[in-house]
Amino acid sequence: MASIKKFLANNEQLVHSKMQKVESHVQRQVGNWIHNTVLLEGHEVPFKYKRQKKYRSLKGARVDLIYYPSVELVAAMEFEIMKVIKINIS
């Protein structure tokens, strides 16, 4: 736990959320990577991260996340997203 506190202290943009319930989890193959999009209960912004292998669905699970806000450009429109640095099942 001390390493997470130190990590967050060194990076002021990062947010640590605990026990968040996953409403939706989508996995898409893009090249050699699996792009994951997670929607959390009480949040309207998607949380995105990449993995090299497919993972079981997180729908309905409680997760702990470390993330930071970002903007994604799609068809010349900006969308707010959250880039996930670390995700663990609670």
PDB file of N, CA and C in Angstrom:
ATOM      1  N   MET A   1       0.822  -1.193   0.000  1.00  0.00           N
ATOM      2  CA  MET A   1       0.000   0.000   0.000  1.00  0.00           C
ATOM      3  C   MET A   1       0.862   1.251   0.000  1.00  0.00           C
ATOM      4  N   ALA A   2       2.018   1.203   0.650  1.00  0.00           N
ATOM      5  CA  ALA A   2       2.907   2.363   0.701  1.00  0.00           C
ATOM      6  C   ALA A   2       3.388   2.738  -0.697  1.00  0.00           C
ATOM      7  N   SER A   3       3.603   1.744  -1.568  1.00  0.00           N
ATOM      8  CA  SER A   3       4.077   2.037  -2.919  1.00  0.00           C
ATOM      9  C   SER A   3       3.016   2.788  -3.724  1.00  0.00           C
ATOM     10  N   ILE A   4       1.738   2.477  -3.508  1.00  0.00           N
ATOM     11  CA  ILE A   4       0.658   3.193  -4.194  1.00  0.00           C
ATOM     12  C   ILE A   4       0.609   4.636  -3.730  1.00  0.00           C
ATOM     13  N   LYS A   5       0.737   4.868  -2.430  1.00  0.00           N
ATOM     14  CA  LYS A   5       0.730   6.239  -1.904  1.00  0.00           C
ATOM     15  C   LYS A   5       1.900   7.039  -2.455  1.00  0.00           C
ATOM     16  N   LYS A   6       3.066   6.415  -2.535  1.00  0.00           N
ATOM     17  CA  LYS A   6       4.253   7.087  -3.070  1.00  0.00           C
ATOM     18  C   LYS A   6       4.066   7.388  -4.559  1.00  0.00           C
ATOM     19  N   PHE A   7       3.508   6.428  -5.289  1.00  0.00           N
ATOM     20  CA  PHE A   7       3.238   6.580  -6.718  1.00  0.00           C
ATOM     21  C   PHE A   7       2.277   7.745  -6.956  1.00  0.00           C
ATOM     22  N   LEU A   8       1.204   7.813  -6.173  1.00  0.00           N
ATOM     23  CA  LEU A   8       0.220   8.890  -6.305  1.00  0.00           C
ATOM     24  C   LEU A   8       0.808  10.243  -5.914  1.00  0.00           C
ATOM     25  N   ALA A   9       1.685  10.259  -4.916  1.00  0.00           N
ATOM     26  CA  ALA A   9       2.311  11.507  -4.472  1.00  0.00           C
ATOM     27  C   ALA A   9       3.230  12.079  -5.549  1.00  0.00           C
ATOM     28  N   ASN A  10       3.880  11.211  -6.311  1.00  0.00           N
ATOM     29  CA  ASN A  10       4.790  11.654  -7.367  1.00  0.00           C
ATOM     30  C   ASN A  10       4.066  12.095  -8.637  1.00  0.00           C
ATOM     31  N   ASN A  11       2.804  11.717  -8.794  1.00  0.00           N
ATOM     32  CA  ASN A  11       2.027  12.038  -9.989  1.00  0.00           C
ATOM     33  C   ASN A  11       0.701  12.658  -9.569  1.00  0.00           C
ATOM     34  N   GLU A  12       0.637  13.971  -9.545  1.00  0.00           N
ATOM     35  CA  GLU A  12      -0.529  14.680  -9.013  1.00  0.00           C
ATOM     36  C   GLU A  12      -1.801  14.474  -9.829  1.00  0.00           C
ATOM     37  N   GLN A  13      -1.686  14.142 -11.116  1.00  0.00           N
ATOM     38  CA  GLN A  13      -2.858  13.936 -11.966  1.00  0.00           C
ATOM     39  C   GLN A  13      -3.593  12.638 -11.649  1.00  0.00           C
ATOM     40  N   LEU A  14      -2.893  11.674 -11.087  1.00  0.00           N
ATOM     41  CA  LEU A  14      -3.476  10.350 -10.881  1.00  0.00           C
ATOM     42  C   LEU A  14      -4.537  10.351  -9.791  1.00  0.00           C
ATOM     43  N   VAL A  15      -5.559   9.520 -10.025  1.00  0.00           N
ATOM     44  CA  VAL A  15      -6.653   9.352  -9.072  1.00  0.00           C
ATOM     45  C   VAL A  15      -6.726   7.870  -8.712  1.00  0.00           C
ATOM     46  N   HIS A  16      -6.918   7.573  -7.429  1.00  0.00           N
ATOM     47  CA  HIS A  16      -7.056   6.191  -6.960  1.00  0.00           C
ATOM     48  C   HIS A  16      -8.480   6.003  -6.461  1.00  0.00           C
ATOM     49  N   SER A  17      -9.239   5.127  -7.116  1.00  0.00           N
ATOM     50  CA  SER A  17     -10.617   4.839  -6.714  1.00  0.00           C
ATOM     51  C   SER A  17     -10.713   3.385  -6.293  1.00  0.00           C
ATOM     52  N   LYS A  18     -11.435   3.140  -5.204  1.00  0.00           N
ATOM     53  CA  LYS A  18     -11.576   1.782  -4.676  1.00  0.00           C
ATOM     54  C   LYS A  18     -13.031   1.329  -4.738  1.00  0.00           C
ATOM     55  N   MET A  19     -13.204   0.027  -4.856  1.00  0.00           N
ATOM     56  CA  MET A  19     -14.520  -0.628  -4.792  1.00  0.00           C
ATOM     57  C   MET A  19     -15.536  -0.019  -5.766  1.00  0.00           C
ATOM     58  N   GLN A  20     -15.115   0.227  -6.998  1.00  0.00           N
ATOM     59  CA  GLN A  20     -16.004   0.754  -8.030  1.00  0.00           C
ATOM     60  C   GLN A  20     -16.676  -0.419  -8.737  1.00  0.00           C
ATOM     61  N   LYS A  21     -17.995  -0.334  -8.952  1.00  0.00           N
ATOM     62  CA  LYS A  21     -18.722  -1.421  -9.600  1.00  0.00           C
ATOM     63  C   LYS A  21     -18.726  -1.225 -11.115  1.00  0.00           C
ATOM     64  N   VAL A  22     -18.358  -2.279 -11.849  1.00  0.00           N
ATOM     65  CA  VAL A  22     -18.291  -2.237 -13.310  1.00  0.00           C
ATOM     66  C   VAL A  22     -19.678  -2.510 -13.884  1.00  0.00           C
ATOM     67  N   GLU A  23     -20.190  -1.562 -14.691  1.00  0.00           N
ATOM     68  CA  GLU A  23     -21.483  -1.735 -15.360  1.00  0.00           C
ATOM     69  C   GLU A  23     -21.322  -2.422 -16.709  1.00  0.00           C
ATOM     70  N   SER A  24     -20.226  -2.110 -17.414  1.00  0.00           N
ATOM     71  CA  SER A  24     -20.006  -2.651 -18.750  1.00  0.00           C
ATOM     72  C   SER A  24     -18.508  -2.823 -18.985  1.00  0.00           C
ATOM     73  N   HIS A  25     -18.149  -3.913 -19.682  1.00  0.00           N
ATOM     74  CA  HIS A  25     -16.739  -4.162 -20.027  1.00  0.00           C
ATOM     75  C   HIS A  25     -16.696  -4.707 -21.452  1.00  0.00           C
ATOM     76  N   VAL A  26     -16.014  -3.973 -22.352  1.00  0.00           N
ATOM     77  CA  VAL A  26     -15.905  -4.363 -23.757  1.00  0.00           C
ATOM     78  C   VAL A  26     -14.432  -4.535 -24.098  1.00  0.00           C
ATOM     79  N   GLN A  27     -14.119  -5.625 -24.845  1.00  0.00           N
ATOM     80  CA  GLN A  27     -12.743  -5.887 -25.276  1.00  0.00           C
ATOM     81  C   GLN A  27     -12.719  -5.974 -26.801  1.00  0.00           C
ATOM     82  N   ARG A  28     -11.785  -5.235 -27.439  1.00  0.00           N
ATOM     83  CA  ARG A  28     -11.650  -5.226 -28.889  1.00  0.00           C
ATOM     84  C   ARG A  28     -10.201  -5.486 -29.284  1.00  0.00           C
ATOM     85  N   GLN A  29     -10.015  -6.278 -30.321  1.00  0.00           N
ATOM     86  CA  GLN A  29      -8.674  -6.545 -30.857  1.00  0.00           C
ATOM     87  C   GLN A  29      -8.294  -5.405 -31.793  1.00  0.00           C
ATOM     88  N   VAL A  30      -7.154  -4.750 -31.522  1.00  0.00           N
ATOM     89  CA  VAL A  30      -6.607  -3.702 -32.391  1.00  0.00           C
ATOM     90  C   VAL A  30      -5.127  -4.023 -32.574  1.00  0.00           C
ATOM     91  N   GLY A  31      -4.798  -4.580 -33.735  1.00  0.00           N
ATOM     92  CA  GLY A  31      -3.419  -5.024 -33.963  1.00  0.00           C
ATOM     93  C   GLY A  31      -3.081  -6.163 -33.017  1.00  0.00           C
ATOM     94  N   ASN A  32      -1.968  -6.037 -32.308  1.00  0.00           N
ATOM     95  CA  ASN A  32      -1.547  -7.069 -31.353  1.00  0.00           C
ATOM     96  C   ASN A  32      -2.089  -6.832 -29.954  1.00  0.00           C
ATOM     97  N   TRP A  33      -2.872  -5.788 -29.757  1.00  0.00           N
ATOM     98  CA  TRP A  33      -3.362  -5.414 -28.435  1.00  0.00           C
ATOM     99  C   TRP A  33      -4.860  -5.632 -28.306  1.00  0.00           C
ATOM    100  N   ILE A  34      -5.301  -5.863 -27.087  1.00  0.00           N
ATOM    101  CA  ILE A  34      -6.725  -5.909 -26.754  1.00  0.00           C
ATOM    102  C   ILE A  34      -7.044  -4.589 -26.057  1.00  0.00           C
ATOM    103  N   HIS A  35      -7.900  -3.773 -26.674  1.00  0.00           N
ATOM    104  CA  HIS A  35      -8.319  -2.504 -26.074  1.00  0.00           C
ATOM    105  C   HIS A  35      -9.547  -2.768 -25.212  1.00  0.00           C
ATOM    106  N   ASN A  36      -9.491  -2.359 -23.964  1.00  0.00           N
ATOM    107  CA  ASN A  36     -10.569  -2.571 -23.005  1.00  0.00           C
ATOM    108  C   ASN A  36     -11.223  -1.242 -22.664  1.00  0.00           C
ATOM    109  N   THR A  37     -12.555  -1.244 -22.625  1.00  0.00           N
ATOM    110  CA  THR A  37     -13.317  -0.072 -22.200  1.00  0.00           C
ATOM    111  C   THR A  37     -14.246  -0.515 -21.083  1.00  0.00           C
ATOM    112  N   VAL A  38     -14.181   0.193 -19.964  1.00  0.00           N
ATOM    113  CA  VAL A  38     -14.980  -0.132 -18.785  1.00  0.00           C
ATOM    114  C   VAL A  38     -15.836   1.076 -18.429  1.00  0.00           C
ATOM    115  N   LEU A  39     -17.122   0.837 -18.172  1.00  0.00           N
ATOM    116  CA  LEU A  39     -17.998   1.878 -17.645  1.00  0.00           C
ATOM    117  C   LEU A  39     -18.295   1.535 -16.198  1.00  0.00           C
ATOM    118  N   LEU A  40     -18.143   2.524 -15.321  1.00  0.00           N
ATOM    119  CA  LEU A  40     -18.344   2.322 -13.891  1.00  0.00           C
ATOM    120  C   LEU A  40     -19.645   2.959 -13.429  1.00  0.00           C
ATOM    121  N   GLU A  41     -20.258   2.333 -12.443  1.00  0.00           N
ATOM    122  CA  GLU A  41     -21.498   2.841 -11.858  1.00  0.00           C
ATOM    123  C   GLU A  41     -21.258   4.238 -11.282  1.00  0.00           C
ATOM    124  N   GLY A  42     -22.131   5.192 -11.655  1.00  0.00           N
ATOM    125  CA  GLY A  42     -22.013   6.553 -11.145  1.00  0.00           C
ATOM    126  C   GLY A  42     -21.093   7.448 -11.956  1.00  0.00           C
ATOM    127  N   HIS A  43     -20.498   6.923 -13.035  1.00  0.00           N
ATOM    128  CA  HIS A  43     -19.609   7.703 -13.906  1.00  0.00           C
ATOM    129  C   HIS A  43     -20.145   7.655 -15.332  1.00  0.00           C
ATOM    130  N   GLU A  44     -20.083   8.777 -16.040  1.00  0.00           N
ATOM    131  CA  GLU A  44     -20.526   8.822 -17.433  1.00  0.00           C
ATOM    132  C   GLU A  44     -19.362   8.725 -18.412  1.00  0.00           C
ATOM    133  N   VAL A  45     -18.146   8.742 -17.907  1.00  0.00           N
ATOM    134  CA  VAL A  45     -16.942   8.747 -18.736  1.00  0.00           C
ATOM    135  C   VAL A  45     -16.378   7.326 -18.836  1.00  0.00           C
ATOM    136  N   PRO A  46     -15.982   6.876 -20.048  1.00  0.00           N
ATOM    137  CA  PRO A  46     -15.378   5.543 -20.170  1.00  0.00           C
ATOM    138  C   PRO A  46     -13.949   5.512 -19.630  1.00  0.00           C
ATOM    139  N   PHE A  47     -13.578   4.384 -19.065  1.00  0.00           N
ATOM    140  CA  PHE A  47     -12.227   4.137 -18.562  1.00  0.00           C
ATOM    141  C   PHE A  47     -11.578   3.162 -19.539  1.00  0.00           C
ATOM    142  N   LYS A  48     -10.422   3.541 -20.106  1.00  0.00           N
ATOM    143  CA  LYS A  48      -9.801   2.731 -21.157  1.00  0.00           C
ATOM    144  C   LYS A  48      -8.399   2.283 -20.763  1.00  0.00           C
ATOM    145  N   TYR A  49      -8.066   1.061 -21.193  1.00  0.00           N
ATOM    146  CA  TYR A  49      -6.718   0.524 -21.004  1.00  0.00           C
ATOM    147  C   TYR A  49      -6.470  -0.575 -22.029  1.00  0.00           C
ATOM    148  N   LYS A  50      -5.205  -0.984 -22.179  1.00  0.00           N
ATOM    149  CA  LYS A  50      -4.817  -2.022 -23.134  1.00  0.00           C
ATOM    150  C   LYS A  50      -4.191  -3.202 -22.406  1.00  0.00           C
ATOM    151  N   ARG A  51      -4.379  -4.386 -22.988  1.00  0.00           N
ATOM    152  CA  ARG A  51      -3.723  -5.606 -22.512  1.00  0.00           C
ATOM    153  C   ARG A  51      -3.235  -6.371 -23.736  1.00  0.00           C
ATOM    154  N   GLN A  52      -2.312  -7.280 -23.532  1.00  0.00           N
ATOM    155  CA  GLN A  52      -1.831  -8.080 -24.657  1.00  0.00           C
ATOM    156  C   GLN A  52      -2.656  -9.344 -24.857  1.00  0.00           C
ATOM    157  N   LYS A  53      -3.410  -9.751 -23.836  1.00  0.00           N
ATOM    158  CA  LYS A  53      -4.261 -10.934 -23.948  1.00  0.00           C
ATOM    159  C   LYS A  53      -5.668 -10.595 -23.492  1.00  0.00           C
ATOM    160  N   LYS A  54      -6.645 -11.359 -24.005  1.00  0.00           N
ATOM    161  CA  LYS A  54      -8.016 -11.186 -23.546  1.00  0.00           C
ATOM    162  C   LYS A  54      -8.126 -11.593 -22.091  1.00  0.00           C
ATOM    163  N   TYR A  55      -9.038 -10.952 -21.370  1.00  0.00           N
ATOM    164  CA  TYR A  55      -9.233 -11.212 -19.953  1.00  0.00           C
ATOM    165  C   TYR A  55     -10.703 -11.499 -19.739  1.00  0.00           C
ATOM    166  N   ARG A  56     -11.025 -12.163 -18.668  1.00  0.00           N
ATOM    167  CA  ARG A  56     -12.441 -12.449 -18.407  1.00  0.00           C
ATOM    168  C   ARG A  56     -13.202 -11.146 -18.203  1.00  0.00           C
ATOM    169  N   SER A  57     -14.492 -11.185 -18.427  1.00  0.00           N
ATOM    170  CA  SER A  57     -15.316  -9.984 -18.306  1.00  0.00           C
ATOM    171  C   SER A  57     -15.349  -9.493 -16.860  1.00  0.00           C
ATOM    172  N   LEU A  58     -15.249  -8.195 -16.695  1.00  0.00           N
ATOM    173  CA  LEU A  58     -15.299  -7.581 -15.368  1.00  0.00           C
ATOM    174  C   LEU A  58     -16.703  -7.087 -15.021  1.00  0.00           C
ATOM    175  N   LYS A  59     -17.676  -7.316 -15.903  1.00  0.00           N
ATOM    176  CA  LYS A  59     -19.034  -6.824 -15.675  1.00  0.00           C
ATOM    177  C   LYS A  59     -19.573  -7.333 -14.340  1.00  0.00           C
ATOM    178  N   GLY A  60     -20.033  -6.399 -13.504  1.00  0.00           N
ATOM    179  CA  GLY A  60     -20.586  -6.730 -12.201  1.00  0.00           C
ATOM    180  C   GLY A  60     -19.554  -6.813 -11.087  1.00  0.00           C
ATOM    181  N   ALA A  61     -18.271  -6.808 -11.438  1.00  0.00           N
ATOM    182  CA  ALA A  61     -17.201  -6.924 -10.433  1.00  0.00           C
ATOM    183  C   ALA A  61     -16.922  -5.575  -9.778  1.00  0.00           C
ATOM    184  N   ARG A  62     -16.330  -5.634  -8.606  1.00  0.00           N
ATOM    185  CA  ARG A  62     -15.840  -4.428  -7.919  1.00  0.00           C
ATOM    186  C   ARG A  62     -14.346  -4.338  -8.200  1.00  0.00           C
ATOM    187  N   VAL A  63     -13.888  -3.149  -8.604  1.00  0.00           N
ATOM    188  CA  VAL A  63     -12.481  -2.982  -8.970  1.00  0.00           C
ATOM    189  C   VAL A  63     -11.864  -1.773  -8.275  1.00  0.00           C
ATOM    190  N   ASP A  64     -10.541  -1.826  -8.119  1.00  0.00           N
ATOM    191  CA  ASP A  64      -9.736  -0.689  -7.665  1.00  0.00           C
ATOM    192  C   ASP A  64      -8.978  -0.186  -8.890  1.00  0.00           C
ATOM    193  N   LEU A  65      -8.955   1.130  -9.095  1.00  0.00           N
ATOM    194  CA  LEU A  65      -8.322   1.707 -10.276  1.00  0.00           C
ATOM    195  C   LEU A  65      -7.387   2.845  -9.921  1.00  0.00           C
ATOM    196  N   ILE A  66      -6.336   2.984 -10.715  1.00  0.00           N
ATOM    197  CA  ILE A  66      -5.509   4.186 -10.710  1.00  0.00           C
ATOM    198  C   ILE A  66      -5.592   4.711 -12.135  1.00  0.00           C
ATOM    199  N   TYR A  67      -6.003   5.967 -12.303  1.00  0.00           N
ATOM    200  CA  TYR A  67      -6.244   6.516 -13.634  1.00  0.00           C
ATOM    201  C   TYR A  67      -5.993   8.019 -13.653  1.00  0.00           C
ATOM    202  N   TYR A  68      -6.003   8.581 -14.866  1.00  0.00           N
ATOM    203  CA  TYR A  68      -5.903  10.027 -15.036  1.00  0.00           C
ATOM    204  C   TYR A  68      -6.820  10.458 -16.181  1.00  0.00           C
ATOM    205  N   PRO A  69      -7.340  11.695 -16.131  1.00  0.00           N
ATOM    206  CA  PRO A  69      -8.225  12.184 -17.192  1.00  0.00           C
ATOM    207  C   PRO A  69      -7.443  12.476 -18.473  1.00  0.00           C
ATOM    208  N   SER A  70      -8.107  12.260 -19.609  1.00  0.00           N
ATOM    209  CA  SER A  70      -7.502  12.501 -20.907  1.00  0.00           C
ATOM    210  C   SER A  70      -8.608  12.854 -21.901  1.00  0.00           C
ATOM    211  N   VAL A  71      -8.211  13.200 -23.117  1.00  0.00           N
ATOM    212  CA  VAL A  71      -9.164  13.516 -24.183  1.00  0.00           C
ATOM    213  C   VAL A  71      -8.821  12.654 -25.384  1.00  0.00           C
ATOM    214  N   GLU A  72      -9.861  12.074 -26.011  1.00  0.00           N
ATOM    215  CA  GLU A  72      -9.684  11.251 -27.200  1.00  0.00           C
ATOM    216  C   GLU A  72     -10.367  11.953 -28.365  1.00  0.00           C
ATOM    217  N   LEU A  73      -9.700  12.020 -29.504  1.00  0.00           N
ATOM    218  CA  LEU A  73     -10.236  12.674 -30.688  1.00  0.00           C
ATOM    219  C   LEU A  73     -10.840  11.617 -31.605  1.00  0.00           C
ATOM    220  N   VAL A  74     -12.162  11.714 -31.862  1.00  0.00           N
ATOM    221  CA  VAL A  74     -12.861  10.782 -32.739  1.00  0.00           C
ATOM    222  C   VAL A  74     -13.660  11.608 -33.738  1.00  0.00           C
ATOM    223  N   ALA A  75     -13.370  11.443 -35.025  1.00  0.00           N
ATOM    224  CA  ALA A  75     -14.066  12.165 -36.093  1.00  0.00           C
ATOM    225  C   ALA A  75     -14.092  13.669 -35.825  1.00  0.00           C
ATOM    226  N   ALA A  76     -12.950  14.217 -35.486  1.00  0.00           N
ATOM    227  CA  ALA A  76     -12.765  15.655 -35.221  1.00  0.00           C
ATOM    228  C   ALA A  76     -13.568  16.161 -34.023  1.00  0.00           C
ATOM    229  N   MET A  77     -14.010  15.244 -33.164  1.00  0.00           N
ATOM    230  CA  MET A  77     -14.724  15.627 -31.939  1.00  0.00           C
ATOM    231  C   MET A  77     -13.924  15.122 -30.742  1.00  0.00           C
ATOM    232  N   GLU A  78     -13.859  15.941 -29.700  1.00  0.00           N
ATOM    233  CA  GLU A  78     -13.128  15.557 -28.497  1.00  0.00           C
ATOM    234  C   GLU A  78     -14.064  14.892 -27.492  1.00  0.00           C
ATOM    235  N   PHE A  79     -13.628  13.762 -26.947  1.00  0.00           N
ATOM    236  CA  PHE A  79     -14.379  13.044 -25.929  1.00  0.00           C
ATOM    237  C   PHE A  79     -13.499  12.872 -24.703  1.00  0.00           C
ATOM    238  N   GLU A  80     -14.065  13.134 -23.536  1.00  0.00           N
ATOM    239  CA  GLU A  80     -13.326  12.933 -22.293  1.00  0.00           C
ATOM    240  C   GLU A  80     -13.293  11.441 -21.977  1.00  0.00           C
ATOM    241  N   ILE A  81     -12.108  10.947 -21.628  1.00  0.00           N
ATOM    242  CA  ILE A  81     -11.943   9.555 -21.202  1.00  0.00           C
ATOM    243  C   ILE A  81     -11.036   9.533 -19.984  1.00  0.00           C
ATOM    244  N   MET A  82     -10.966   8.397 -19.349  1.00  0.00           N
ATOM    245  CA  MET A  82     -10.032   8.179 -18.253  1.00  0.00           C
ATOM    246  C   MET A  82      -9.071   7.076 -18.687  1.00  0.00           C
ATOM    247  N   LYS A  83      -7.787   7.353 -18.667  1.00  0.00           N
ATOM    248  CA  LYS A  83      -6.757   6.371 -19.005  1.00  0.00           C
ATOM    249  C   LYS A  83      -6.387   5.612 -17.741  1.00  0.00           C
ATOM    250  N   VAL A  84      -6.566   4.311 -17.761  1.00  0.00           N
ATOM    251  CA  VAL A  84      -6.299   3.470 -16.594  1.00  0.00           C
ATOM    252  C   VAL A  84      -4.829   3.055 -16.588  1.00  0.00           C
ATOM    253  N   ILE A  85      -4.175   3.280 -15.455  1.00  0.00           N
ATOM    254  CA  ILE A  85      -2.788   2.868 -15.257  1.00  0.00           C
ATOM    255  C   ILE A  85      -2.749   1.478 -14.631  1.00  0.00           C
ATOM    256  N   LYS A  86      -3.641   1.247 -13.671  1.00  0.00           N
ATOM    257  CA  LYS A  86      -3.674  -0.032 -12.958  1.00  0.00           C
ATOM    258  C   LYS A  86      -5.118  -0.346 -12.593  1.00  0.00           C
ATOM    259  N   ILE A  87      -5.509  -1.607 -12.801  1.00  0.00           N
ATOM    260  CA  ILE A  87      -6.849  -2.053 -12.420  1.00  0.00           C
ATOM    261  C   ILE A  87      -6.722  -3.413 -11.741  1.00  0.00           C
ATOM    262  N   ASN A  88      -7.377  -3.558 -10.599  1.00  0.00           N
ATOM    263  CA  ASN A  88      -7.373  -4.811  -9.834  1.00  0.00           C
ATOM    264  C   ASN A  88      -8.790  -5.126  -9.397  1.00  0.00           C
ATOM    265  N   ILE A  89      -9.109  -6.395  -9.339  1.00  0.00           N
ATOM    266  CA  ILE A  89     -10.394  -6.796  -8.777  1.00  0.00           C
ATOM    267  C   ILE A  89     -10.301  -6.659  -7.264  1.00  0.00           C
ATOM    268  N   SER A  90     -11.301  -6.008  -6.660  1.00  0.00           N
ATOM    269  CA  SER A  90     -11.301  -5.765  -5.200  1.00  0.00           C
ATOM    270  C   SER A  90     -11.562  -7.042  -4.432  1.00  0.00           C
TER     271      SER A  90
END
